[in-house]
Amino acid sequence: MNFKDIAISRENRFSIGIEETSGKYYLSIPVSNQYVDYEEYYEISKEVFDSFKADMNSALNFVQQCIERKKDELLIQKPGRLRGVPM
């Protein structure tokens, strides 16, 4: 998989972009476990991507739901047994 960030909110610690192989749009958040820091990628529609790109603050509710693991059904890559915690 080749994730390409299109827009990044350093202040709110998330990014949006496109997975170039599949063409899926995503929102990602940083997570960490005891071994590695990595990102979790949540699939979003093109319409949601465009909305978030136009106003990054409009994504904050979605980001919070990802942090609270309420959007796990949208994960592009399912976590392993040592799932990280949001940073």
Protein backbone atom coordinates (compact mmCIF):
# COMPACT_ATOMS: atom_id res chain seq x y z
CA MET A 1 0.00 0.00 0.00
CA ASN A 2 1.19 3.45 -0.87
CA PHE A 3 -0.38 6.13 1.34
CA LYS A 4 0.12 9.68 0.06
CA ASP A 5 -0.79 12.52 2.40
CA ILE A 6 -2.53 15.42 0.65
CA ALA A 7 -3.15 17.65 3.69
CA ILE A 8 -1.74 17.52 7.21
CA SER A 9 -2.93 19.13 10.43
CA ARG A 10 0.14 19.14 12.65
CA GLU A 11 -1.75 21.00 15.36
CA ASN A 12 -4.52 18.39 15.52
CA ARG A 13 -2.31 15.41 14.62
CA PHE A 14 -4.03 13.92 11.60
CA SER A 15 -3.72 13.81 7.85
CA ILE A 16 -5.91 13.10 4.86
CA GLY A 17 -4.82 11.57 1.60
CA ILE A 18 -5.18 8.84 -0.97
CA GLU A 19 -3.92 5.27 -1.05
CA GLU A 20 -2.50 5.25 -4.55
CA THR A 21 -2.83 1.52 -5.31
CA SER A 22 -6.52 1.20 -4.49
CA GLY A 23 -7.59 4.83 -4.97
CA LYS A 24 -9.17 4.88 -1.51
CA TYR A 25 -9.29 8.15 0.41
CA TYR A 26 -8.29 8.15 4.05
CA LEU A 27 -7.87 10.06 7.27
CA SER A 28 -4.96 8.91 9.43
CA ILE A 29 -4.00 9.41 13.06
CA PRO A 30 -0.68 8.62 14.75
CA VAL A 31 -0.60 5.76 17.26
CA SER A 32 2.13 4.12 19.29
CA ASN A 33 2.73 0.78 21.00
CA GLN A 34 5.71 -0.29 23.07
CA TYR A 35 7.73 -1.08 19.94
CA VAL A 36 6.86 1.40 17.22
CA ASP A 37 5.02 4.59 16.29
CA TYR A 38 2.78 4.22 13.24
CA GLU A 39 -0.43 5.49 11.66
CA GLU A 40 -3.91 4.05 11.49
CA TYR A 41 -5.73 4.74 8.23
CA TYR A 42 -9.51 5.15 8.12
CA GLU A 43 -11.29 4.99 4.76
CA ILE A 44 -13.40 8.03 3.89
CA SER A 45 -15.43 8.84 0.79
CA LYS A 46 -14.29 11.31 -1.87
CA GLU A 47 -17.03 13.70 -0.72
CA VAL A 48 -15.87 13.56 2.91
CA PHE A 49 -12.24 13.93 1.77
CA ASP A 50 -13.15 17.05 -0.24
CA SER A 51 -15.05 18.47 2.73
CA PHE A 52 -12.16 17.88 5.12
CA LYS A 53 -9.66 19.28 2.62
CA ALA A 54 -11.71 22.48 2.26
CA ASP A 55 -11.93 22.90 6.05
CA MET A 56 -9.54 20.74 8.07
CA ASN A 57 -11.29 21.72 11.32
CA SER A 58 -14.45 20.04 10.04
CA ALA A 59 -12.63 16.71 10.50
CA LEU A 60 -12.07 17.10 14.23
CA ASN A 61 -15.22 15.23 15.29
CA PHE A 62 -14.28 12.34 12.99
CA VAL A 63 -10.72 12.37 14.36
CA GLN A 64 -12.04 12.19 17.93
CA GLN A 65 -14.23 9.23 17.00
CA CYS A 66 -11.17 7.48 15.54
CA ILE A 67 -9.20 8.16 18.72
CA GLU A 68 -12.06 6.66 20.73
CA ARG A 69 -12.06 3.63 18.37
CA LYS A 70 -15.63 4.31 17.28
CA LYS A 71 -14.69 4.14 13.58
CA ASP A 72 -12.77 0.84 13.61
CA GLU A 73 -14.99 -0.60 10.87
CA LEU A 74 -13.36 1.94 8.52
CA LEU A 75 -9.76 0.86 9.19
CA ILE A 76 -8.01 0.09 5.91
CA GLN A 77 -5.46 -2.13 7.66
CA LYS A 78 -6.75 -4.07 10.65
CA PRO A 79 -4.55 -3.74 13.77
CA GLY A 80 -2.51 -6.61 15.14
CA ARG A 81 -2.60 -7.90 18.68
CA LEU A 82 -0.34 -5.08 19.95
CA ARG A 83 -2.54 -2.24 18.76
CA GLY A 84 -1.12 1.16 19.51
CA VAL A 85 -2.79 3.93 21.43
CA PRO A 86 -3.40 7.35 19.90
CA MET A 87 -0.62 9.84 20.46
